[in-house]
Amino acid sequence: MLLLNKPKIGLALGSGASKGLAHLGVLKILEENNIKPSYIAGSSIGALIGGLYCCGIDLEMMIKLAKNMKTEIWMDPAVSKKGLLAGKKVEELFRILTKNKTIEDLEIPIRIVATDIINSRRYIFDKGPLWQAIRASIAIPGIFCPVEIDDLVLVDGGVVDRVPAALVKEMGADIIIAVDVCKGKNNLRPKNLFEIIMQSIEAMENTLVENMLTEDFIVISPIIKDINSLDFTKVDLCIEEGEKAALEAIPKINKALKDYYGSSA
């Protein structure tokens, strides 16, 4: 009897600040359908959720953490002119949550995307402290101070690669699931500097991502409208939209799996 190799599933979790909480709903539905990623790549909030998932943190625990994450836990005004927030609080939080693990320690291989603004290119973390990679990837320009490592100055990965689907393909994935939480128009009128920065970045990323998510990828796009990108209080709504979008994608994923086994027979 011919034994078929299992396809390697790659999961790309995109940036999107608070909208990225929808990734938790997507992961929940994938788990319920026994769809387990072999590789994960993440940008910004996708790097955070993907990193914690690869650490083995239970999804229900991650949801509880999200619901109890008060702004004073992670917001620390900066003295530096490089950002409004120093990022020291989130840095310490990430150290604790990841148990100081390195990327090499993780059972599920992960790649985390940041943006090297000195050389205007994508920077990929494939080794080293997980907390540091996540901290660099969530460094929204103008809001968080950049992460400086040697000669690098690193900011949010979503600036150059909002949904790093091509990256999980490079890692060796046969079937790629890409989660884009920022698809669609944001109808909110910005009320402050934070919101102006976030909506400007999102508008720029929308233009970039159009040509990146090809038909080679199964794209899951939770529709999350009229939510401020820095409002982390709408946890249930974001998770629900993630679940709905993931459920709609399950038939496509199952077909891709069936086609893979058919082509391997």
Protein backbone atom coordinates (compact mmCIF):
# COMPACT_ATOMS: atom_id res chain seq x y z
CA MET A 1 0.00 0.00 0.00
CA LEU A 2 1.34 3.42 -1.00
CA LEU A 3 1.82 5.79 1.94
CA LEU A 4 1.10 9.39 1.00
CA ASN A 5 3.08 12.21 2.51
CA LYS A 6 1.01 14.69 4.47
CA PRO A 7 1.01 18.15 2.90
CA LYS A 8 2.82 20.85 4.79
CA ILE A 9 0.41 23.67 5.63
CA GLY A 10 1.74 27.20 5.88
CA LEU A 11 -0.19 29.86 7.79
CA ALA A 12 0.51 33.55 7.20
CA LEU A 13 -0.92 35.88 9.85
CA GLY A 14 -1.11 39.48 8.74
CA SER A 15 -0.76 42.84 10.45
CA GLY A 16 -3.73 44.97 11.49
CA ALA A 17 -3.31 46.01 15.14
CA SER A 18 -6.53 45.30 17.09
CA LYS A 19 -8.21 43.79 14.02
CA GLY A 20 -5.59 41.05 14.27
CA LEU A 21 -7.47 39.60 17.23
CA ALA A 22 -9.48 37.90 14.48
CA HIS A 23 -6.47 35.57 14.08
CA LEU A 24 -7.57 33.91 17.32
CA GLY A 25 -10.93 33.03 15.75
CA VAL A 26 -9.23 31.69 12.63
CA LEU A 27 -6.89 29.49 14.68
CA LYS A 28 -9.85 28.21 16.71
CA ILE A 29 -11.72 27.04 13.59
CA LEU A 30 -8.59 25.50 12.09
CA GLU A 31 -7.99 23.53 15.30
CA GLU A 32 -11.62 22.36 15.40
CA ASN A 33 -11.20 21.04 11.86
CA ASN A 34 -7.88 19.34 12.67
CA ILE A 35 -5.98 21.63 10.31
CA LYS A 36 -2.55 22.11 11.86
CA PRO A 37 0.04 24.47 10.42
CA SER A 38 3.50 23.08 9.71
CA TYR A 39 4.91 26.60 9.33
CA ILE A 40 3.79 30.05 10.45
CA ALA A 41 4.89 33.50 9.35
CA GLY A 42 3.63 36.71 10.91
CA SER A 43 3.75 40.45 10.64
CA SER A 44 2.97 42.79 13.56
CA ILE A 45 -0.08 41.49 15.50
CA GLY A 46 0.20 38.35 13.35
CA ALA A 47 3.75 37.89 14.64
CA LEU A 48 2.54 38.26 18.22
CA ILE A 49 -0.34 35.80 17.96
CA GLY A 50 1.65 33.40 15.78
CA GLY A 51 4.61 33.55 18.16
CA LEU A 52 2.51 32.82 21.23
CA TYR A 53 0.75 29.99 19.39
CA CYS A 54 4.10 28.45 18.44
CA CYS A 55 5.11 28.71 22.11
CA GLY A 56 2.31 26.27 22.87
CA ILE A 57 0.07 28.74 24.68
CA ASP A 58 -3.50 27.42 24.68
CA LEU A 59 -5.93 29.40 22.51
CA GLU A 60 -8.40 29.85 25.35
CA MET A 61 -5.60 31.29 27.47
CA MET A 62 -4.67 33.66 24.63
CA ILE A 63 -8.29 34.82 24.39
CA LYS A 64 -8.39 35.46 28.15
CA LEU A 65 -5.16 37.44 27.90
CA ALA A 66 -6.62 39.54 25.07
CA LYS A 67 -9.77 40.30 27.08
CA ASN A 68 -7.79 41.37 30.13
CA MET A 69 -5.08 43.40 28.39
CA LYS A 70 -5.52 46.89 29.87
CA THR A 71 -3.83 49.81 28.08
CA GLU A 72 -1.73 50.69 31.13
CA ILE A 73 -0.06 47.27 30.85
CA TRP A 74 1.52 48.09 27.49
CA MET A 75 1.43 51.87 27.02
CA ASP A 76 4.53 53.76 28.19
CA PRO A 77 5.05 57.31 26.84
CA ALA A 78 8.51 57.80 25.38
CA VAL A 79 11.06 60.49 26.15
CA SER A 80 12.68 59.73 22.79
CA LYS A 81 11.70 61.64 19.64
CA LYS A 82 11.60 58.34 17.71
CA GLY A 83 8.12 57.31 18.83
CA LEU A 84 5.23 58.17 21.11
CA LEU A 85 5.62 54.93 23.10
CA ALA A 86 8.92 53.56 24.39
CA GLY A 87 7.83 49.93 24.05
CA LYS A 88 9.64 48.79 27.20
CA LYS A 89 6.42 47.56 28.79
CA VAL A 90 5.44 45.40 25.82
CA GLU A 91 9.02 44.16 25.63
CA GLU A 92 8.87 42.88 29.20
CA LEU A 93 5.39 41.47 28.61
CA PHE A 94 6.62 39.53 25.57
CA ARG A 95 9.59 38.17 27.55
CA ILE A 96 7.20 36.77 30.16
CA LEU A 97 4.61 35.38 27.72
CA THR A 98 7.22 33.67 25.54
CA LYS A 99 9.12 32.37 28.60
CA ASN A 100 12.25 33.85 27.03
CA LYS A 101 12.24 31.17 24.32
CA THR A 102 14.21 31.55 21.13
CA ILE A 103 12.76 31.01 17.68
CA GLU A 104 14.88 27.87 17.43
CA ASP A 105 13.16 26.45 20.56
CA LEU A 106 9.68 26.35 19.01
CA GLU A 107 7.98 23.16 17.86
CA ILE A 108 6.28 24.91 14.94
CA PRO A 109 8.82 26.79 12.80
CA ILE A 110 8.02 30.49 12.61
CA ARG A 111 9.39 33.44 10.68
CA ILE A 112 8.70 36.96 11.85
CA VAL A 113 8.77 39.96 9.55
CA ALA A 114 10.05 43.43 10.42
CA THR A 115 11.03 46.37 8.21
CA ASP A 116 14.65 47.50 8.00
CA ILE A 117 14.24 51.24 7.38
CA ILE A 118 17.97 51.85 6.90
CA ASN A 119 18.09 49.59 3.84
CA SER A 120 14.39 49.88 2.88
CA ARG A 121 13.76 46.14 2.89
CA ARG A 122 12.07 43.27 4.66
CA TYR A 123 13.97 41.78 7.57
CA ILE A 124 13.15 38.21 8.58
CA PHE A 125 13.77 36.86 12.07
CA ASP A 126 14.54 33.14 11.83
CA LYS A 127 16.56 32.80 15.03
CA GLY A 128 17.21 34.54 18.31
CA PRO A 129 14.92 35.68 21.13
CA LEU A 130 11.26 35.41 20.15
CA TRP A 131 10.27 38.40 22.27
CA GLN A 132 12.73 40.64 20.43
CA ALA A 133 11.45 39.56 17.01
CA ILE A 134 7.85 40.25 18.04
CA ARG A 135 8.78 43.60 19.55
CA ALA A 136 10.43 44.67 16.30
CA SER A 137 7.53 43.44 14.19
CA ILE A 138 4.91 45.44 16.14
CA ALA A 139 6.90 48.70 16.15
CA ILE A 140 4.33 50.84 14.34
CA PRO A 141 6.23 53.84 12.88
CA GLY A 142 5.61 57.02 14.84
CA ILE A 143 3.84 55.17 17.65
CA PHE A 144 6.43 52.70 19.01
CA CYS A 145 10.12 53.52 19.08
CA PRO A 146 12.00 51.34 16.58
CA VAL A 147 14.08 48.35 17.64
CA GLU A 148 17.78 48.93 17.02
CA ILE A 149 19.98 45.86 16.65
CA ASP A 150 23.60 46.44 15.59
CA ASP A 151 23.29 48.57 12.43
CA LEU A 152 19.60 47.79 11.93
CA VAL A 153 16.67 50.08 12.73
CA LEU A 154 13.54 47.92 12.62
CA VAL A 155 9.86 48.86 12.51
CA ASP A 156 6.51 47.15 11.90
CA GLY A 157 6.66 44.24 9.45
CA GLY A 158 3.36 45.24 7.87
CA VAL A 159 5.05 48.24 6.25
CA VAL A 160 6.66 45.96 3.65
CA ASP A 161 4.79 42.65 3.99
CA ARG A 162 1.35 42.88 5.55
CA VAL A 163 0.48 39.22 4.95
CA PRO A 164 3.68 37.16 4.54
CA ALA A 165 2.14 34.35 2.49
CA ALA A 166 5.10 34.08 0.11
CA LEU A 167 7.36 33.59 3.13
CA VAL A 168 5.63 30.40 4.32
CA LYS A 169 5.86 29.15 0.75
CA GLU A 170 9.62 29.77 0.91
CA MET A 171 9.69 27.82 4.18
CA GLY A 172 8.41 24.75 2.32
CA ALA A 173 4.63 24.86 2.64
CA ASP A 174 2.56 22.96 0.07
CA ILE A 175 -0.74 24.63 0.97
CA ILE A 176 -0.73 28.26 2.05
CA ILE A 177 -3.46 29.90 4.14
CA ALA A 178 -3.16 33.68 4.30
CA VAL A 179 -5.16 35.72 6.84
CA ASP A 180 -5.70 39.36 5.89
CA VAL A 181 -7.64 41.24 8.58
CA CYS A 182 -7.47 44.66 6.90
CA LYS A 183 -9.24 43.99 3.63
CA GLY A 184 -11.92 46.53 2.76
CA LYS A 185 -12.55 50.18 3.40
CA ASN A 186 -12.19 51.78 6.82
CA ASN A 187 -15.02 54.28 7.26
CA LEU A 188 -13.76 55.77 10.52
CA ARG A 189 -12.83 59.44 10.61
CA PRO A 190 -9.53 59.77 12.55
CA LYS A 191 -9.82 61.77 15.77
CA ASN A 192 -6.20 61.95 16.91
CA LEU A 193 -2.58 61.45 15.88
CA PHE A 194 -2.65 57.73 16.72
CA GLU A 195 -5.59 57.12 14.41
CA ILE A 196 -4.13 59.26 11.61
CA ILE A 197 -0.89 57.24 11.70
CA MET A 198 -2.70 53.90 11.78
CA GLN A 199 -5.14 54.69 8.97
CA SER A 200 -2.37 56.15 6.82
CA ILE A 201 -0.29 52.98 7.20
CA GLU A 202 -3.33 50.80 6.49
CA ALA A 203 -4.09 52.75 3.29
CA MET A 204 -0.49 52.28 2.13
CA GLU A 205 -0.52 48.58 2.95
CA ASN A 206 -3.80 48.05 1.06
CA THR A 207 -2.11 49.22 -2.11
CA LEU A 208 0.91 46.96 -1.57
CA VAL A 209 -1.00 43.80 -0.68
CA GLU A 210 -3.18 43.80 -3.81
CA ASN A 211 -0.50 42.12 -5.91
CA MET A 212 0.91 39.89 -3.17
CA LEU A 213 -2.01 37.56 -2.44
CA THR A 214 -2.29 35.50 -5.61
CA GLU A 215 -4.55 32.59 -6.51
CA ASP A 216 -1.85 30.26 -5.18
CA PHE A 217 -2.99 31.13 -1.65
CA ILE A 218 -6.19 30.41 0.27
CA VAL A 219 -7.05 33.86 1.60
CA ILE A 220 -9.15 34.31 4.73
CA SER A 221 -10.41 37.88 5.08
CA PRO A 222 -12.39 38.63 8.24
CA ILE A 223 -14.50 41.74 7.59
CA ILE A 224 -13.95 44.03 10.55
CA LYS A 225 -15.45 47.45 9.94
CA ASP A 226 -15.48 50.68 11.88
CA ILE A 227 -13.06 49.56 14.59
CA ASN A 228 -10.23 51.80 15.70
CA SER A 229 -6.99 49.91 15.08
CA LEU A 230 -5.80 50.69 18.62
CA ASP A 231 -9.08 49.73 20.31
CA PHE A 232 -8.39 46.34 21.86
CA THR A 233 -11.75 46.15 23.67
CA LYS A 234 -13.71 44.52 20.81
CA VAL A 235 -12.17 41.09 21.38
CA ASP A 236 -15.35 39.03 20.99
CA LEU A 237 -16.38 40.82 17.79
CA CYS A 238 -12.97 40.34 16.17
CA ILE A 239 -12.79 36.67 17.15
CA GLU A 240 -16.33 36.08 15.86
CA GLU A 241 -15.47 37.61 12.48
CA GLY A 242 -12.33 35.48 12.35
CA GLU A 243 -14.37 32.35 13.00
CA LYS A 244 -16.93 33.24 10.32
CA ALA A 245 -14.31 33.92 7.68
CA ALA A 246 -12.39 30.75 8.55
CA LEU A 247 -15.53 28.61 8.37
CA GLU A 248 -16.19 29.94 4.88
CA ALA A 249 -12.67 28.92 3.86
CA ILE A 250 -12.81 25.35 5.22
CA PRO A 251 -14.27 23.87 1.97
CA LYS A 252 -11.41 25.47 -0.03
CA ILE A 253 -8.84 24.09 2.41
CA ASN A 254 -10.38 20.62 2.28
CA LYS A 255 -10.39 20.75 -1.53
CA ALA A 256 -6.72 21.76 -1.55
CA LEU A 257 -5.94 18.81 0.73
CA LYS A 258 -7.95 16.44 -1.47
CA ASP A 259 -6.23 17.74 -4.62
CA TYR A 260 -2.83 17.34 -2.97
CA TYR A 261 -3.49 13.72 -2.05
CA GLY A 262 -4.88 13.11 -5.54
CA SER A 263 -1.77 14.49 -7.19
CA SER A 264 0.44 12.42 -4.84
CA ALA A 265 -1.31 9.14 -5.56
